[in-house]
């Protein structure tokens, strides 16, 4: 049986230090985080604008 070769999910290099897994380095880890924060990655689902507003709980209306 062949063993799986680990590669960085960002740059596809072999990780030298296991503490950054699944990345090869802190640089790749932070680059991936930046892509999430910039909106390059998205979780599937309805757009925020299409979620209905909560009912108005104002007792005076």
N, C-alpha and C. Protein backbone atom coordinates (compact mmCIF):
# COMPACT_ATOMS: atom_id res chain seq x y z
N UNK A 1 0.84 -1.19 0.00
CA UNK A 1 0.00 0.00 0.00
C UNK A 1 0.88 1.25 0.00
N UNK A 2 0.55 2.21 -0.83
CA UNK A 2 1.34 3.44 -0.92
C UNK A 2 0.91 4.42 0.17
N UNK A 3 1.88 5.11 0.75
CA UNK A 3 1.53 6.13 1.73
C UNK A 3 1.24 7.44 1.01
N UNK A 4 0.29 8.18 1.53
CA UNK A 4 -0.09 9.45 0.92
C UNK A 4 1.01 10.48 1.17
N UNK A 5 1.36 11.21 0.15
CA UNK A 5 2.36 12.27 0.29
C UNK A 5 1.63 13.56 0.63
N UNK A 6 1.99 14.15 1.74
CA UNK A 6 1.34 15.38 2.17
C UNK A 6 1.89 16.55 1.37
N UNK A 7 0.97 17.40 0.92
CA UNK A 7 1.36 18.62 0.22
C UNK A 7 0.54 19.78 0.78
N UNK A 8 1.10 20.95 0.71
CA UNK A 8 0.43 22.17 1.17
C UNK A 8 -0.80 22.41 0.30
N UNK A 9 -1.93 22.71 0.93
CA UNK A 9 -3.16 22.96 0.18
C UNK A 9 -3.12 24.30 -0.56
N UNK A 10 -2.15 25.14 -0.23
CA UNK A 10 -2.06 26.44 -0.88
C UNK A 10 -1.06 26.45 -2.04
N UNK A 11 0.17 25.99 -1.79
CA UNK A 11 1.22 26.08 -2.82
C UNK A 11 1.67 24.72 -3.35
N UNK A 12 1.17 23.64 -2.81
CA UNK A 12 1.46 22.27 -3.24
C UNK A 12 2.89 21.81 -2.96
N UNK A 13 3.64 22.52 -2.09
CA UNK A 13 4.96 22.06 -1.67
C UNK A 13 4.81 21.10 -0.50
N UNK A 14 5.84 20.29 -0.26
CA UNK A 14 5.81 19.39 0.88
C UNK A 14 6.07 20.20 2.15
N UNK A 15 5.23 20.03 3.18
CA UNK A 15 5.44 20.75 4.44
C UNK A 15 6.72 20.29 5.13
N UNK A 16 7.51 21.24 5.63
CA UNK A 16 8.73 20.91 6.36
C UNK A 16 8.44 20.81 7.86
N UNK A 17 7.40 21.49 8.32
CA UNK A 17 7.07 21.54 9.74
C UNK A 17 5.59 21.18 9.92
N UNK A 18 5.29 20.12 10.67
CA UNK A 18 3.89 19.69 10.81
C UNK A 18 2.98 20.66 11.57
N UNK A 19 3.55 21.63 12.25
CA UNK A 19 2.68 22.54 13.03
C UNK A 19 1.80 23.43 12.15
N UNK A 20 2.14 23.59 10.88
CA UNK A 20 1.34 24.44 9.99
C UNK A 20 0.34 23.66 9.16
N UNK A 21 0.24 22.34 9.36
CA UNK A 21 -0.66 21.51 8.56
C UNK A 21 -2.07 22.07 8.55
N UNK A 22 -2.74 22.07 7.45
CA UNK A 22 -2.43 21.45 6.17
C UNK A 22 -1.60 22.34 5.24
N UNK A 23 -0.97 23.37 5.79
CA UNK A 23 -0.13 24.27 5.01
C UNK A 23 1.33 23.93 5.23
N UNK A 24 2.22 24.47 4.41
CA UNK A 24 3.65 24.19 4.57
C UNK A 24 4.34 25.21 5.46
N UNK A 25 3.70 26.36 5.66
CA UNK A 25 4.33 27.42 6.43
C UNK A 25 3.28 28.40 6.95
N UNK A 26 3.72 29.26 7.84
CA UNK A 26 2.83 30.31 8.34
C UNK A 26 2.41 31.23 7.19
N UNK A 27 3.31 31.47 6.26
CA UNK A 27 3.01 32.33 5.11
C UNK A 27 1.81 31.80 4.33
N UNK A 28 1.81 30.50 4.02
CA UNK A 28 0.69 29.92 3.27
C UNK A 28 -0.59 29.93 4.11
N UNK A 29 -0.44 29.71 5.41
CA UNK A 29 -1.61 29.74 6.30
C UNK A 29 -2.24 31.13 6.30
N UNK A 30 -1.42 32.16 6.41
CA UNK A 30 -1.94 33.53 6.43
C UNK A 30 -2.47 33.96 5.06
N UNK A 31 -1.86 33.48 3.99
CA UNK A 31 -2.35 33.79 2.65
C UNK A 31 -3.75 33.21 2.46
N UNK A 32 -3.97 31.99 2.96
CA UNK A 32 -5.29 31.36 2.87
C UNK A 32 -6.32 32.13 3.70
N UNK A 33 -5.93 32.54 4.91
CA UNK A 33 -6.83 33.34 5.75
C UNK A 33 -7.20 34.64 5.04
N UNK A 34 -6.23 35.27 4.41
CA UNK A 34 -6.49 36.51 3.68
C UNK A 34 -7.50 36.29 2.55
N UNK A 35 -7.38 35.16 1.85
CA UNK A 35 -8.34 34.86 0.78
C UNK A 35 -9.76 34.73 1.33
N UNK A 36 -9.90 34.11 2.52
CA UNK A 36 -11.23 34.02 3.15
C UNK A 36 -11.74 35.41 3.51
N UNK A 37 -10.88 36.23 4.12
CA UNK A 37 -11.30 37.56 4.57
C UNK A 37 -11.63 38.49 3.40
N UNK A 38 -10.98 38.30 2.25
CA UNK A 38 -11.25 39.12 1.07
C UNK A 38 -12.48 38.65 0.31
N UNK A 39 -13.05 37.50 0.69
CA UNK A 39 -14.24 37.00 0.02
C UNK A 39 -13.95 36.13 -1.18
N UNK A 40 -12.69 35.70 -1.34
CA UNK A 40 -12.36 34.83 -2.47
C UNK A 40 -12.98 33.45 -2.31
N UNK A 41 -13.15 33.01 -1.09
CA UNK A 41 -13.81 31.74 -0.80
C UNK A 41 -15.19 32.06 -0.25
N UNK A 42 -16.16 31.24 -0.60
CA UNK A 42 -17.52 31.46 -0.10
C UNK A 42 -18.14 30.13 0.27
N UNK A 43 -18.94 30.13 1.32
CA UNK A 43 -19.71 28.96 1.71
C UNK A 43 -21.03 29.04 0.97
N UNK A 44 -21.46 27.97 0.29
CA UNK A 44 -22.71 28.03 -0.47
C UNK A 44 -23.91 28.29 0.43
N UNK A 45 -24.84 29.03 -0.08
CA UNK A 45 -26.06 29.33 0.65
C UNK A 45 -26.70 30.58 0.08
N UNK A 46 -27.84 30.95 0.64
CA UNK A 46 -28.53 32.14 0.13
C UNK A 46 -27.72 33.41 0.42
N UNK A 47 -27.82 34.36 -0.47
CA UNK A 47 -27.16 35.64 -0.26
C UNK A 47 -27.77 36.32 0.96
N UNK A 48 -27.01 37.14 1.62
CA UNK A 48 -27.49 37.83 2.82
C UNK A 48 -28.72 38.66 2.50
N UNK A 49 -28.77 39.30 1.32
CA UNK A 49 -29.91 40.14 0.95
C UNK A 49 -31.20 39.33 0.80
N UNK A 50 -31.11 38.01 0.58
CA UNK A 50 -32.31 37.22 0.36
C UNK A 50 -32.88 36.61 1.64
N UNK A 51 -32.23 36.84 2.77
CA UNK A 51 -32.74 36.34 4.04
C UNK A 51 -33.81 37.31 4.53
N UNK A 52 -35.02 36.83 4.85
CA UNK A 52 -36.09 37.73 5.28
C UNK A 52 -35.74 38.45 6.58
N UNK A 53 -36.24 39.67 6.70
CA UNK A 53 -36.02 40.45 7.92
C UNK A 53 -36.79 39.82 9.07
N UNK A 54 -36.29 40.04 10.27
CA UNK A 54 -36.98 39.56 11.46
C UNK A 54 -38.25 40.40 11.63
N UNK A 55 -39.30 39.81 12.18
CA UNK A 55 -40.53 40.58 12.40
C UNK A 55 -40.28 41.73 13.37
N UNK A 56 -40.99 42.81 13.15
CA UNK A 56 -40.88 43.98 14.02
C UNK A 56 -41.57 43.68 15.34
N UNK A 57 -40.84 43.76 16.42
CA UNK A 57 -41.40 43.47 17.74
C UNK A 57 -41.80 44.73 18.49
N UNK A 58 -42.06 45.80 17.76
CA UNK A 58 -42.46 47.06 18.39
C UNK A 58 -43.91 46.93 18.86
N UNK A 59 -44.16 46.97 20.19
CA UNK A 59 -45.53 46.79 20.70
C UNK A 59 -46.46 47.94 20.36
N UNK A 60 -45.93 49.09 19.92
CA UNK A 60 -46.80 50.24 19.63
C UNK A 60 -47.44 50.15 18.25
N UNK A 61 -47.09 49.16 17.44
CA UNK A 61 -47.69 49.06 16.10
C UNK A 61 -48.71 47.96 16.03
